[in-house]
Amino acid sequence: MEELHLASQIEGTLRHPIVCLSLLSWHLIAVFFIGASDPDIGLCERLMRPLTIKYPNGAIILFLKARLHLIKGDIDNAIYFYGKSISVQDTYKQFHHVCWWELLFAYCYLKKWDRAANNAKKLLDESKWSRCCYTYMLGILINADRSVPKRTDTVRILLERVPQIRHRIAGKSIPVEKFCARKSERFLKHGRLFFAHYEFLYFWNGFSILSTNKALVGPILEDIEAEWEFAATDDKDDECLYLLLKGVTLKIMGKLYEAELCFLKIMEYERIVTDFSYIVPNACFELAMTRQSLGSPDQALSLLQRALTYRGYSLETKLHFRIQAAMEALNNANSTE
């Protein structure tokens, strides 16, 4: 990494664009996937400047520029540059799919569910990555838009397909498809789909990006509160999902003690939660991060170790990436003191 940083400072060389693209991909994409650390926005802006001058219509450059705007919380400009990245080339259709995926999340941040669903439909029609996942996403986004006529019937038809179109590789299910299938089966059984769109955002680290634009978080919290107030149930699984999403949004808004109460409440329900067993380890992780922000690194490390002890829940590997990255950051901070 040190050598990449050094090479990025030497402009006019053959390796300079490749080095810049590698560093930008790390800071704008990879760190969010593995939960390693916060991206260096200043570095990304410095790296982007010569690339946009030299390759103003480069599809990859425009995509990374859009991603940079997205992470900075400038959603409208992000949407513009994603669209431009799509329009400048039509040779590699798969790259359009990546842009549509990003646009889907960008519109979710703005709560424009109809446009997010439109991008999910494009992916379902044209991408071969996971029809199971795309069908589930289309269903939950339609469910989020209360203006859709015959919304419940449409969602039911879509989610009935999800378990039937799962892929298997060497006899094993793809984790995200398994998650989508379980959520769909629960909806078909109970007829409820609380917060599924926000839940999907959370598990794809969408809330990490929202932390850079707190103005977008307030309306999401209001939406979560309003939906729970309107249709609250006695089901502890649904309540724990509500508490997790509420706690995460409160944490982003800096209301750490209120967020802590939400995560502690989930931990109390640990033995009661059945269908959503993945919520408890994620709440344990979020509680650890909250304790770290409150100045208790030892408690945070203990909670992270506890979160690692949970086994057999949905999307386990994604959380393990985040836990290991957080533990490494805490250990590095302790070693420098």
Foldseek 3Di string as FASTA:
>chain_A
DVVLVVLCVDPPDPCNLVSLLVLLCCQLPVCLQLVQDHHDLVSNVVSLVVVCVVCVQALSSLQSVLSSCLLLVNLVSSLVSLVSSCPSDDPDVVSPLVSLCVNLLSVVLVVVLVSSLVSLVVCCVPPPPAVLLSLLLNLVSLVSDPVDPPNLVSSLVSLVCNVVRFDADPNHTDQVSVVSNLLSVVCVVPVDDQPVNVVVCVLSSVLVSCLSPLVSLVVVLVVLVVVCVVDPDPQVQNLLVSLQSNLSSCVSVVVLVSSLVSLVVSCVCQVVDDSQNVSNLVSLQVNLVSVVVVPNNVSSLVSLVVSVVDDDGGPSVSVVSSSVSVNVVSVVVVVVD
